[in-house]
């Protein structure tokens, strides 16, 4: 089966959707063709949209299925489905179906309804889609991870260091964790990887709470340095908070950490519940419940999950060969 993959989120731009697109394209192998926006700024969409339409039509004539990287490309998919007479499927992540500005909601749902196949990265995303399109079949396929790209953590049980990786925005909960949880954890150090609009607020909290000796901000780092962080910590924290209209579609960093054998402590919210297997790759905790987080972190320091078992579990459930096999099954059904 020949597949044309079209995406507006691709390296060198950085983010979960970009990582997904790069790995999805890689997993397709020789049977896949890729049309991608390989620029950091989405302002390039102004010229890329007509280019993707023409290029997609040209390549789409000789493939079996066209797959879109996210829901924002839905109308492009409708056009290509009409031009090529080939089925168009799409991966839906989270923000690409909840975005509310510029009349986006009025435009996105009619286009998605016209596409042949909808794949959601988590049950949380699928629930949102089915609220708007109750008669439209939806498949749930999580993100994948290439286990061999991630080194095994050898430090679990050796220190009291926690790791946060992600964009510093309110939904990610880093500021909440610094304010409500970290002061109650004696001698625990927090390493923060990432940047964002809440960085200044997080720094202010650290100063005000006299935590400067226990919190380090690393900013954005390259993949090699990120791997070093995953293999030096005791747990990855994902203390997300609920914000209406702004969901965590999946939580790819949870898979990256788990591939390294690092336990993940995550809020039991939205797509995070699909990225963490409770009790096997980490623990799902009540969002905003500081006492629950403190207890779980202290328990993890004393009785950590074993890195080798975490890694094995991730290999069984989230390896890219498994994920791409599920995608091919969805696409094959659209050809029948």
C-alpha atoms as a PDB file:
ATOM      1  CA  UNK A   1       0.000   0.000   0.000  1.00  0.00           C
ATOM      2  CA  UNK A   2       1.420   3.376  -1.045  1.00  0.00           C
ATOM      3  CA  UNK A   3       0.772   6.292   1.297  1.00  0.00           C
ATOM      4  CA  UNK A   4       1.239  10.037   0.814  1.00  0.00           C
ATOM      5  CA  UNK A   5       1.771  11.818   4.119  1.00  0.00           C
ATOM      6  CA  UNK A   6       1.162  15.590   4.229  1.00  0.00           C
ATOM      7  CA  UNK A   7       2.092  17.600   7.327  1.00  0.00           C
ATOM      8  CA  UNK A   8       2.573  21.233   8.322  1.00  0.00           C
ATOM      9  CA  UNK A   9       4.427  20.265  11.532  1.00  0.00           C
ATOM     10  CA  UNK A  10       7.894  18.895  10.885  1.00  0.00           C
ATOM     11  CA  UNK A  11      11.498  19.412  12.058  1.00  0.00           C
ATOM     12  CA  UNK A  12      13.423  21.655  12.397  1.00  0.00           C
ATOM     13  CA  UNK A  13      10.382  23.042  14.217  1.00  0.00           C
ATOM     14  CA  UNK A  14      10.169  21.549  17.739  1.00  0.00           C
ATOM     15  CA  UNK A  15       7.132  20.018  19.433  1.00  0.00           C
ATOM     16  CA  UNK A  16       5.090  16.883  19.961  1.00  0.00           C
ATOM     17  CA  UNK A  17       3.310  17.076  16.604  1.00  0.00           C
ATOM     18  CA  UNK A  18       6.621  17.697  14.839  1.00  0.00           C
ATOM     19  CA  UNK A  19       8.157  14.639  16.491  1.00  0.00           C
ATOM     20  CA  UNK A  20       5.100  12.562  15.611  1.00  0.00           C
ATOM     21  CA  UNK A  21       5.276  13.645  11.961  1.00  0.00           C
ATOM     22  CA  UNK A  22       8.988  12.891  11.644  1.00  0.00           C
ATOM     23  CA  UNK A  23       8.629   9.450  13.211  1.00  0.00           C
ATOM     24  CA  UNK A  24       5.461   8.646  11.261  1.00  0.00           C
ATOM     25  CA  UNK A  25       7.225   9.492   7.990  1.00  0.00           C
ATOM     26  CA  UNK A  26      10.198   7.391   9.022  1.00  0.00           C
ATOM     27  CA  UNK A  27       7.969   4.445   9.966  1.00  0.00           C
ATOM     28  CA  UNK A  28       6.230   4.474   6.569  1.00  0.00           C
ATOM     29  CA  UNK A  29       9.500   3.472   4.953  1.00  0.00           C
ATOM     30  CA  UNK A  30       9.823   3.116   1.155  1.00  0.00           C
ATOM     31  CA  UNK A  31       6.042   2.855   0.729  1.00  0.00           C
ATOM     32  CA  UNK A  32       5.581   6.424   1.910  1.00  0.00           C
ATOM     33  CA  UNK A  33       5.944   9.816   0.244  1.00  0.00           C
ATOM     34  CA  UNK A  34       6.070  13.009   2.303  1.00  0.00           C
ATOM     35  CA  UNK A  35       5.033  16.597   1.659  1.00  0.00           C
ATOM     36  CA  UNK A  36       6.071  18.625   4.710  1.00  0.00           C
ATOM     37  CA  UNK A  37       6.489  22.239   5.779  1.00  0.00           C
ATOM     38  CA  UNK A  38      10.123  22.149   6.898  1.00  0.00           C
ATOM     39  CA  UNK A  39      10.228  25.676   8.328  1.00  0.00           C
ATOM     40  CA  UNK A  40      10.131  26.830  11.945  1.00  0.00           C
ATOM     41  CA  UNK A  41       7.465  29.494  11.472  1.00  0.00           C
ATOM     42  CA  UNK A  42       3.855  28.692  10.547  1.00  0.00           C
ATOM     43  CA  UNK A  43       3.794  31.990   8.629  1.00  0.00           C
ATOM     44  CA  UNK A  44       5.251  29.950   5.764  1.00  0.00           C
ATOM     45  CA  UNK A  45       1.816  28.337   5.430  1.00  0.00           C
ATOM     46  CA  UNK A  46       0.891  31.272   3.181  1.00  0.00           C
ATOM     47  CA  UNK A  47       2.965  29.827   0.330  1.00  0.00           C
ATOM     48  CA  UNK A  48       3.045  26.210   1.505  1.00  0.00           C
ATOM     49  CA  UNK A  49      -0.736  25.666   1.277  1.00  0.00           C
ATOM     50  CA  UNK A  50      -0.954  26.121  -2.530  1.00  0.00           C
ATOM     51  CA  UNK A  51       2.312  24.213  -2.939  1.00  0.00           C
ATOM     52  CA  UNK A  52       0.957  21.300  -0.842  1.00  0.00           C
ATOM     53  CA  UNK A  53      -2.242  21.294  -2.885  1.00  0.00           C
ATOM     54  CA  UNK A  54      -0.426  21.060  -6.234  1.00  0.00           C
ATOM     55  CA  UNK A  55       2.244  18.670  -4.966  1.00  0.00           C
ATOM     56  CA  UNK A  56      -0.365  16.566  -3.183  1.00  0.00           C
ATOM     57  CA  UNK A  57      -2.439  16.298  -6.351  1.00  0.00           C
ATOM     58  CA  UNK A  58       0.603  15.294  -8.413  1.00  0.00           C
ATOM     59  CA  UNK A  59       1.850  12.634  -5.976  1.00  0.00           C
ATOM     60  CA  UNK A  60      -1.633  11.601  -4.896  1.00  0.00           C
ATOM     61  CA  UNK A  61      -2.450  10.183  -8.313  1.00  0.00           C
ATOM     62  CA  UNK A  62       0.005   7.310  -7.804  1.00  0.00           C
ATOM     63  CA  UNK A  63      -0.709   6.377  -4.158  1.00  0.00           C
ATOM     64  CA  UNK A  64      -3.490   4.405  -2.488  1.00  0.00           C
ATOM     65  CA  UNK A  65      -4.177   6.680   0.492  1.00  0.00           C
ATOM     66  CA  UNK A  66      -3.400  10.275   1.492  1.00  0.00           C
ATOM     67  CA  UNK A  67      -2.862  10.872   5.204  1.00  0.00           C
ATOM     68  CA  UNK A  68      -2.831  14.294   6.882  1.00  0.00           C
ATOM     69  CA  UNK A  69      -0.684  15.132   9.898  1.00  0.00           C
ATOM     70  CA  UNK A  70      -3.339  17.081  11.804  1.00  0.00           C
ATOM     71  CA  UNK A  71      -6.863  18.462  11.646  1.00  0.00           C
ATOM     72  CA  UNK A  72      -5.846  21.950  10.552  1.00  0.00           C
ATOM     73  CA  UNK A  73      -5.204  20.457   7.097  1.00  0.00           C
ATOM     74  CA  UNK A  74      -8.746  19.088   6.798  1.00  0.00           C
ATOM     75  CA  UNK A  75      -9.871  21.382   3.963  1.00  0.00           C
ATOM     76  CA  UNK A  76      -6.679  20.622   2.049  1.00  0.00           C
ATOM     77  CA  UNK A  77      -7.637  16.977   2.433  1.00  0.00           C
ATOM     78  CA  UNK A  78     -11.147  17.628   1.127  1.00  0.00           C
ATOM     79  CA  UNK A  79      -9.705  19.275  -1.993  1.00  0.00           C
ATOM     80  CA  UNK A  80      -7.210  16.463  -2.590  1.00  0.00           C
ATOM     81  CA  UNK A  81      -9.870  13.813  -2.023  1.00  0.00           C
ATOM     82  CA  UNK A  82     -11.930  15.456  -4.759  1.00  0.00           C
ATOM     83  CA  UNK A  83      -8.985  15.969  -7.146  1.00  0.00           C
ATOM     84  CA  UNK A  84      -7.388  12.534  -6.799  1.00  0.00           C
ATOM     85  CA  UNK A  85     -10.417  10.357  -5.959  1.00  0.00           C
ATOM     86  CA  UNK A  86      -8.242   8.739  -3.269  1.00  0.00           C
ATOM     87  CA  UNK A  87      -9.340   8.288   0.365  1.00  0.00           C
ATOM     88  CA  UNK A  88      -7.922  10.890   2.768  1.00  0.00           C
ATOM     89  CA  UNK A  89      -7.372  10.075   6.437  1.00  0.00           C
ATOM     90  CA  UNK A  90      -6.096  12.305   9.231  1.00  0.00           C
ATOM     91  CA  UNK A  91      -4.501  12.155  12.686  1.00  0.00           C
ATOM     92  CA  UNK A  92      -6.223  14.387  15.264  1.00  0.00           C
ATOM     93  CA  UNK A  93      -4.148  15.406  18.269  1.00  0.00           C
ATOM     94  CA  UNK A  94      -5.934  17.863  20.562  1.00  0.00           C
ATOM     95  CA  UNK A  95      -5.453  21.554  19.959  1.00  0.00           C
ATOM     96  CA  UNK A  96      -6.143  20.994  16.257  1.00  0.00           C
ATOM     97  CA  UNK A  97      -9.776  20.243  17.201  1.00  0.00           C
ATOM     98  CA  UNK A  98     -10.209  22.584  20.190  1.00  0.00           C
ATOM     99  CA  UNK A  99      -8.712  25.801  18.754  1.00  0.00           C
ATOM    100  CA  UNK A 100     -11.328  28.577  18.950  1.00  0.00           C
ATOM    101  CA  UNK A 101      -9.923  31.674  17.245  1.00  0.00           C
ATOM    102  CA  UNK A 102     -10.743  33.155  13.832  1.00  0.00           C
ATOM    103  CA  UNK A 103     -13.846  31.036  13.229  1.00  0.00           C
ATOM    104  CA  UNK A 104     -11.763  27.852  13.218  1.00  0.00           C
ATOM    105  CA  UNK A 105     -14.489  25.764  14.887  1.00  0.00           C
ATOM    106  CA  UNK A 106     -17.038  26.639  12.213  1.00  0.00           C
ATOM    107  CA  UNK A 107     -14.656  25.547   9.471  1.00  0.00           C
ATOM    108  CA  UNK A 108     -13.012  22.441  10.879  1.00  0.00           C
ATOM    109  CA  UNK A 109     -15.961  20.132  11.521  1.00  0.00           C
ATOM    110  CA  UNK A 110     -17.615  20.174   8.062  1.00  0.00           C
ATOM    111  CA  UNK A 111     -14.217  19.391   6.534  1.00  0.00           C
ATOM    112  CA  UNK A 112     -13.442  16.544   8.937  1.00  0.00           C
ATOM    113  CA  UNK A 113     -16.848  15.042   8.260  1.00  0.00           C
ATOM    114  CA  UNK A 114     -16.008  14.807   4.555  1.00  0.00           C
ATOM    115  CA  UNK A 115     -12.735  12.909   5.100  1.00  0.00           C
ATOM    116  CA  UNK A 116     -12.767   9.136   4.892  1.00  0.00           C
ATOM    117  CA  UNK A 117     -10.940   8.240   8.107  1.00  0.00           C
ATOM    118  CA  UNK A 118     -10.368   9.981  11.450  1.00  0.00           C
ATOM    119  CA  UNK A 119      -7.638   8.733  13.806  1.00  0.00           C
ATOM    120  CA  UNK A 120      -7.402  10.260  17.301  1.00  0.00           C
ATOM    121  CA  UNK A 121      -4.274   9.960  19.434  1.00  0.00           C
ATOM    122  CA  UNK A 122      -6.242   9.338  22.644  1.00  0.00           C
ATOM    123  CA  UNK A 123      -9.736   8.568  23.912  1.00  0.00           C
ATOM    124  CA  UNK A 124      -9.892  12.156  25.225  1.00  0.00           C
ATOM    125  CA  UNK A 125      -9.440  13.572  21.728  1.00  0.00           C
ATOM    126  CA  UNK A 126     -11.883  11.025  20.312  1.00  0.00           C
ATOM    127  CA  UNK A 127     -14.540  12.107  22.831  1.00  0.00           C
ATOM    128  CA  UNK A 128     -14.274  15.714  21.638  1.00  0.00           C
ATOM    129  CA  UNK A 129     -14.530  14.675  18.001  1.00  0.00           C
ATOM    130  CA  UNK A 130     -17.575  12.523  18.639  1.00  0.00           C
ATOM    131  CA  UNK A 131     -19.334  15.370  20.426  1.00  0.00           C
ATOM    132  CA  UNK A 132     -19.216  17.284  17.152  1.00  0.00           C
ATOM    133  CA  UNK A 133     -19.487  14.355  14.726  1.00  0.00           C
ATOM    134  CA  UNK A 134     -21.550  11.711  16.562  1.00  0.00           C
ATOM    135  CA  UNK A 135     -22.220   9.622  13.444  1.00  0.00           C
ATOM    136  CA  UNK A 136     -18.653   9.661  12.147  1.00  0.00           C
ATOM    137  CA  UNK A 137     -16.531   6.550  12.921  1.00  0.00           C
ATOM    138  CA  UNK A 138     -13.377   7.371  14.875  1.00  0.00           C
ATOM    139  CA  UNK A 139     -10.315   5.204  15.542  1.00  0.00           C
ATOM    140  CA  UNK A 140      -7.926   5.674  18.486  1.00  0.00           C
ATOM    141  CA  UNK A 141      -4.219   5.030  17.883  1.00  0.00           C
ATOM    142  CA  UNK A 142      -1.627   6.408  20.293  1.00  0.00           C
ATOM    143  CA  UNK A 143       1.758   7.854  19.457  1.00  0.00           C
ATOM    144  CA  UNK A 144       4.710   5.587  18.819  1.00  0.00           C
ATOM    145  CA  UNK A 145       8.256   5.530  20.127  1.00  0.00           C
ATOM    146  CA  UNK A 146      11.454   4.051  18.699  1.00  0.00           C
ATOM    147  CA  UNK A 147      12.876   2.326  21.772  1.00  0.00           C
ATOM    148  CA  UNK A 148      16.417   1.895  20.469  1.00  0.00           C
ATOM    149  CA  UNK A 149      16.803   5.667  20.150  1.00  0.00           C
ATOM    150  CA  UNK A 150      16.549   6.096  23.939  1.00  0.00           C
ATOM    151  CA  UNK A 151      19.196   4.937  26.460  1.00  0.00           C
ATOM    152  CA  UNK A 152      18.154   3.065  29.613  1.00  0.00           C
ATOM    153  CA  UNK A 153      18.136   5.032  32.871  1.00  0.00           C
ATOM    154  CA  UNK A 154      20.751   3.644  35.297  1.00  0.00           C
ATOM    155  CA  UNK A 155      20.234   6.251  38.024  1.00  0.00           C
ATOM    156  CA  UNK A 156      16.804   5.292  39.405  1.00  0.00           C
ATOM    157  CA  UNK A 157      17.149   4.939  43.177  1.00  0.00           C
ATOM    158  CA  UNK A 158      20.356   7.010  43.398  1.00  0.00           C
ATOM    159  CA  UNK A 159      19.135  10.575  43.987  1.00  0.00           C
ATOM    160  CA  UNK A 160      16.134  12.796  44.691  1.00  0.00           C
ATOM    161  CA  UNK A 161      15.896  14.598  41.367  1.00  0.00           C
ATOM    162  CA  UNK A 162      12.703  15.195  39.410  1.00  0.00           C
ATOM    163  CA  UNK A 163      12.429  16.268  35.779  1.00  0.00           C
ATOM    164  CA  UNK A 164       9.890  18.444  33.965  1.00  0.00           C
ATOM    165  CA  UNK A 165       9.997  18.563  30.152  1.00  0.00           C
ATOM    166  CA  UNK A 166       7.613  20.711  28.171  1.00  0.00           C
ATOM    167  CA  UNK A 167       6.402  24.154  27.220  1.00  0.00           C
ATOM    168  CA  UNK A 168       6.015  26.465  30.193  1.00  0.00           C
ATOM    169  CA  UNK A 169       2.340  27.301  29.902  1.00  0.00           C
ATOM    170  CA  UNK A 170      -0.389  27.207  32.552  1.00  0.00           C
ATOM    171  CA  UNK A 171      -1.872  23.912  31.335  1.00  0.00           C
ATOM    172  CA  UNK A 172       1.407  22.049  31.905  1.00  0.00           C
ATOM    173  CA  UNK A 173       1.289  22.804  35.632  1.00  0.00           C
ATOM    174  CA  UNK A 174       4.966  23.510  36.282  1.00  0.00           C
ATOM    175  CA  UNK A 175       4.244  26.746  38.174  1.00  0.00           C
ATOM    176  CA  UNK A 176       1.598  24.982  40.268  1.00  0.00           C
ATOM    177  CA  UNK A 177       4.069  22.221  41.132  1.00  0.00           C
ATOM    178  CA  UNK A 178       6.761  24.691  42.185  1.00  0.00           C
ATOM    179  CA  UNK A 179       4.303  26.618  44.352  1.00  0.00           C
ATOM    180  CA  UNK A 180       2.285  23.814  45.928  1.00  0.00           C
ATOM    181  CA  UNK A 181       4.327  20.609  45.890  1.00  0.00           C
ATOM    182  CA  UNK A 182       8.068  21.209  45.772  1.00  0.00           C
ATOM    183  CA  UNK A 183       8.265  23.206  49.051  1.00  0.00           C
ATOM    184  CA  UNK A 184       6.810  20.162  50.851  1.00  0.00           C
ATOM    185  CA  UNK A 185       9.453  17.770  49.498  1.00  0.00           C
ATOM    186  CA  UNK A 186      12.630  17.880  51.562  1.00  0.00           C
ATOM    187  CA  UNK A 187      15.899  17.934  49.611  1.00  0.00           C
ATOM    188  CA  UNK A 188      14.193  17.252  46.283  1.00  0.00           C
ATOM    189  CA  UNK A 189      15.695  18.924  43.211  1.00  0.00           C
ATOM    190  CA  UNK A 190      13.722  19.841  40.097  1.00  0.00           C
ATOM    191  CA  UNK A 191      15.224  20.215  36.621  1.00  0.00           C
ATOM    192  CA  UNK A 192      13.032  22.128  34.167  1.00  0.00           C
ATOM    193  CA  UNK A 193      13.635  21.584  30.447  1.00  0.00           C
ATOM    194  CA  UNK A 194      11.713  23.892  28.119  1.00  0.00           C
ATOM    195  CA  UNK A 195      10.631  27.498  27.805  1.00  0.00           C
ATOM    196  CA  UNK A 196       7.431  29.446  27.350  1.00  0.00           C
ATOM    197  CA  UNK A 197       5.331  32.362  28.577  1.00  0.00           C
ATOM    198  CA  UNK A 198       5.280  31.123  32.194  1.00  0.00           C
ATOM    199  CA  UNK A 199       9.073  30.983  32.527  1.00  0.00           C
ATOM    200  CA  UNK A 200       9.305  34.378  34.258  1.00  0.00           C
ATOM    201  CA  UNK A 201       6.497  33.434  36.652  1.00  0.00           C
ATOM    202  CA  UNK A 202       8.209  30.140  37.510  1.00  0.00           C
ATOM    203  CA  UNK A 203      11.477  31.947  38.197  1.00  0.00           C
ATOM    204  CA  UNK A 204       9.679  34.435  40.446  1.00  0.00           C
ATOM    205  CA  UNK A 205       8.108  31.598  42.424  1.00  0.00           C
ATOM    206  CA  UNK A 206      11.493  29.943  42.886  1.00  0.00           C
ATOM    207  CA  UNK A 207      12.937  33.183  44.232  1.00  0.00           C
ATOM    208  CA  UNK A 208       9.976  33.953  46.487  1.00  0.00           C
ATOM    209  CA  UNK A 209       9.903  30.448  47.970  1.00  0.00           C
ATOM    210  CA  UNK A 210      13.693  30.303  48.447  1.00  0.00           C
ATOM    211  CA  UNK A 211      14.082  27.321  46.129  1.00  0.00           C
ATOM    212  CA  UNK A 212      16.988  28.640  44.067  1.00  0.00           C
ATOM    213  CA  UNK A 213      19.284  25.866  45.296  1.00  0.00           C
ATOM    214  CA  UNK A 214      16.783  23.188  44.299  1.00  0.00           C
ATOM    215  CA  UNK A 215      15.452  24.274  40.890  1.00  0.00           C
ATOM    216  CA  UNK A 216      17.422  24.588  37.668  1.00  0.00           C
ATOM    217  CA  UNK A 217      16.019  25.954  34.409  1.00  0.00           C
ATOM    218  CA  UNK A 218      17.744  24.520  31.339  1.00  0.00           C
ATOM    219  CA  UNK A 219      15.675  26.097  28.556  1.00  0.00           C
ATOM    220  CA  UNK A 220      15.294  24.227  25.285  1.00  0.00           C
ATOM    221  CA  UNK A 221      17.917  21.533  24.776  1.00  0.00           C
ATOM    222  CA  UNK A 222      19.030  19.298  21.909  1.00  0.00           C
ATOM    223  CA  UNK A 223      18.109  15.618  21.734  1.00  0.00           C
ATOM    224  CA  UNK A 224      21.415  14.404  23.151  1.00  0.00           C
ATOM    225  CA  UNK A 225      21.088  16.627  26.222  1.00  0.00           C
ATOM    226  CA  UNK A 226      17.438  15.645  26.642  1.00  0.00           C
ATOM    227  CA  UNK A 227      18.461  11.992  26.751  1.00  0.00           C
ATOM    228  CA  UNK A 228      20.981  12.820  29.467  1.00  0.00           C
ATOM    229  CA  UNK A 229      18.207  14.384  31.544  1.00  0.00           C
ATOM    230  CA  UNK A 230      15.971  11.339  31.108  1.00  0.00           C
ATOM    231  CA  UNK A 231      18.776   9.063  32.314  1.00  0.00           C
ATOM    232  CA  UNK A 232      19.737  11.146  35.364  1.00  0.00           C
ATOM    233  CA  UNK A 233      16.380  11.772  37.082  1.00  0.00           C
ATOM    234  CA  UNK A 234      14.225   9.655  39.391  1.00  0.00           C
ATOM    235  CA  UNK A 235      10.906  10.506  37.752  1.00  0.00           C
ATOM    236  CA  UNK A 236       9.344  12.690  35.082  1.00  0.00           C
ATOM    237  CA  UNK A 237       6.522  14.874  36.371  1.00  0.00           C
ATOM    238  CA  UNK A 238       3.576  15.974  34.208  1.00  0.00           C
ATOM    239  CA  UNK A 239       1.386  17.918  36.669  1.00  0.00           C
ATOM    240  CA  UNK A 240      -1.115  19.193  34.118  1.00  0.00           C
ATOM    241  CA  UNK A 241      -4.091  21.344  35.091  1.00  0.00           C
ATOM    242  CA  UNK A 242      -7.524  21.400  33.485  1.00  0.00           C
ATOM    243  CA  UNK A 243      -8.125  24.385  31.212  1.00  0.00           C
ATOM    244  CA  UNK A 244     -11.319  24.474  29.156  1.00  0.00           C
ATOM    245  CA  UNK A 245     -10.601  24.354  25.426  1.00  0.00           C
ATOM    246  CA  UNK A 246      -6.912  23.529  25.871  1.00  0.00           C
ATOM    247  CA  UNK A 247      -6.255  19.817  26.258  1.00  0.00           C
ATOM    248  CA  UNK A 248      -3.217  17.569  26.324  1.00  0.00           C
ATOM    249  CA  UNK A 249      -3.839  15.355  23.314  1.00  0.00           C
ATOM    250  CA  UNK A 250      -1.363  12.656  24.300  1.00  0.00           C
ATOM    251  CA  UNK A 251       1.883  13.618  26.049  1.00  0.00           C
ATOM    252  CA  UNK A 252       4.745  12.358  23.916  1.00  0.00           C
ATOM    253  CA  UNK A 253       7.425  13.152  26.504  1.00  0.00           C
ATOM    254  CA  UNK A 254       5.838  10.468  28.694  1.00  0.00           C
ATOM    255  CA  UNK A 255       6.751   7.879  26.051  1.00  0.00           C
ATOM    256  CA  UNK A 256      10.268   9.267  25.685  1.00  0.00           C
ATOM    257  CA  UNK A 257      10.845   9.031  29.427  1.00  0.00           C
ATOM    258  CA  UNK A 258       9.295   5.568  29.609  1.00  0.00           C
ATOM    259  CA  UNK A 259      11.479   4.374  26.739  1.00  0.00           C
ATOM    260  CA  UNK A 260      14.426   5.301  28.971  1.00  0.00           C
ATOM    261  CA  UNK A 261      12.886   3.374  31.869  1.00  0.00           C
ATOM    262  CA  UNK A 262      12.082   6.572  33.788  1.00  0.00           C
ATOM    263  CA  UNK A 263       8.870   6.445  35.871  1.00  0.00           C
ATOM    264  CA  UNK A 264       6.275   9.052  34.869  1.00  0.00           C
ATOM    265  CA  UNK A 265       4.047  10.776  37.428  1.00  0.00           C
ATOM    266  CA  UNK A 266       1.230  12.417  35.488  1.00  0.00           C
ATOM    267  CA  UNK A 267      -2.091  14.101  36.112  1.00  0.00           C
ATOM    268  CA  UNK A 268      -4.973  11.786  35.312  1.00  0.00           C
ATOM    269  CA  UNK A 269      -6.229  14.137  32.611  1.00  0.00           C
ATOM    270  CA  UNK A 270      -7.090  13.907  28.927  1.00  0.00           C
ATOM    271  CA  UNK A 271      -4.445  12.307  26.734  1.00  0.00           C
ATOM    272  CA  UNK A 272      -2.001  11.728  29.584  1.00  0.00           C
ATOM    273  CA  UNK A 273      -4.196   8.838  30.698  1.00  0.00           C
ATOM    274  CA  UNK A 274      -3.374   7.159  27.374  1.00  0.00           C
ATOM    275  CA  UNK A 275       0.368   7.880  27.542  1.00  0.00           C
ATOM    276  CA  UNK A 276       0.954   6.423  31.023  1.00  0.00           C
ATOM    277  CA  UNK A 277       0.025   2.861  31.987  1.00  0.00           C
ATOM    278  CA  UNK A 278      -0.866   3.276  35.647  1.00  0.00           C
ATOM    279  CA  UNK A 279       1.305   1.103  37.884  1.00  0.00           C
ATOM    280  CA  UNK A 280       3.476  -0.129  35.009  1.00  0.00           C
ATOM    281  CA  UNK A 281       5.152   2.871  33.366  1.00  0.00           C
ATOM    282  CA  UNK A 282       4.280   5.350  36.107  1.00  0.00           C
ATOM    283  CA  UNK A 283       1.313   6.609  38.074  1.00  0.00           C
ATOM    284  CA  UNK A 284      -1.751   8.713  37.250  1.00  0.00           C
ATOM    285  CA  UNK A 285      -2.561  11.233  39.992  1.00  0.00           C
ATOM    286  CA  UNK A 286      -5.405  13.612  40.688  1.00  0.00           C
ATOM    287  CA  UNK A 287      -4.742  16.943  39.033  1.00  0.00           C
ATOM    288  CA  UNK A 288      -4.240  19.770  41.522  1.00  0.00           C
ATOM    289  CA  UNK A 289      -4.123  17.452  44.575  1.00  0.00           C
ATOM    290  CA  UNK A 290      -0.821  18.434  46.175  1.00  0.00           C
ATOM    291  CA  UNK A 291      -1.046  15.821  48.948  1.00  0.00           C
ATOM    292  CA  UNK A 292      -1.473  13.008  46.411  1.00  0.00           C
ATOM    293  CA  UNK A 293       1.532  14.227  44.442  1.00  0.00           C
ATOM    294  CA  UNK A 294       3.732  14.506  47.522  1.00  0.00           C
ATOM    295  CA  UNK A 295       2.835  10.984  48.650  1.00  0.00           C
ATOM    296  CA  UNK A 296       3.391   9.467  45.184  1.00  0.00           C
ATOM    297  CA  UNK A 297       6.770  11.154  44.745  1.00  0.00           C
ATOM    298  CA  UNK A 298       8.032  10.023  48.146  1.00  0.00           C
ATOM    299  CA  UNK A 299       6.780   6.482  47.444  1.00  0.00           C
ATOM    300  CA  UNK A 300       8.582   6.506  44.104  1.00  0.00           C
ATOM    301  CA  UNK A 301      11.851   7.455  45.778  1.00  0.00           C
ATOM    302  CA  UNK A 302      11.540   4.488  48.175  1.00  0.00           C
ATOM    303  CA  UNK A 303      10.034   1.893  45.817  1.00  0.00           C
ATOM    304  CA  UNK A 304      10.673   2.975  42.223  1.00  0.00           C
ATOM    305  CA  UNK A 305       9.368   1.047  39.257  1.00  0.00           C
ATOM    306  CA  UNK A 306      12.139  -0.917  37.598  1.00  0.00           C
ATOM    307  CA  UNK A 307      13.544   0.757  34.459  1.00  0.00           C
ATOM    308  CA  UNK A 308      13.849  -2.483  32.488  1.00  0.00           C
ATOM    309  CA  UNK A 309      10.194  -3.375  33.112  1.00  0.00           C
ATOM    310  CA  UNK A 310       9.003   0.127  32.157  1.00  0.00           C
ATOM    311  CA  UNK A 311      10.963  -0.076  28.922  1.00  0.00           C
ATOM    312  CA  UNK A 312       9.592  -3.558  28.128  1.00  0.00           C
ATOM    313  CA  UNK A 313       6.010  -2.378  28.670  1.00  0.00           C
ATOM    314  CA  UNK A 314       6.497   0.580  26.344  1.00  0.00           C
ATOM    315  CA  UNK A 315       8.011  -1.698  23.709  1.00  0.00           C
ATOM    316  CA  UNK A 316       4.924  -3.930  23.834  1.00  0.00           C
ATOM    317  CA  UNK A 317       2.348  -1.132  23.583  1.00  0.00           C
ATOM    318  CA  UNK A 318       3.902   1.842  21.797  1.00  0.00           C
ATOM    319  CA  UNK A 319       6.617   0.678  19.400  1.00  0.00           C
ATOM    320  CA  UNK A 320       6.365   2.243  15.929  1.00  0.00           C
ATOM    321  CA  UNK A 321       5.980  -1.111  14.122  1.00  0.00           C
ATOM    322  CA  UNK A 322       2.894  -1.738  16.270  1.00  0.00           C
ATOM    323  CA  UNK A 323       1.497   1.763  15.726  1.00  0.00           C
ATOM    324  CA  UNK A 324       2.071   1.874  11.965  1.00  0.00           C
ATOM    325  CA  UNK A 325       0.439  -1.564  11.623  1.00  0.00           C
ATOM    326  CA  UNK A 326      -2.682  -0.104  13.242  1.00  0.00           C
ATOM    327  CA  UNK A 327      -2.607   2.872  10.868  1.00  0.00           C
ATOM    328  CA  UNK A 328      -2.293   0.619   7.841  1.00  0.00           C
ATOM    329  CA  UNK A 329      -5.317  -1.356   9.024  1.00  0.00           C
ATOM    330  CA  UNK A 330      -7.382   1.854   9.191  1.00  0.00           C
ATOM    331  CA  UNK A 331      -6.225   2.932   5.737  1.00  0.00           C
ATOM    332  CA  UNK A 332      -6.831  -0.483   4.227  1.00  0.00           C
ATOM    333  CA  UNK A 333     -10.415  -0.416   5.500  1.00  0.00           C
ATOM    334  CA  UNK A 334     -10.950   2.861   3.622  1.00  0.00           C
ATOM    335  CA  UNK A 335      -9.894   1.172   0.367  1.00  0.00           C
ATOM    336  CA  UNK A 336     -12.529  -1.563   0.631  1.00  0.00           C
END
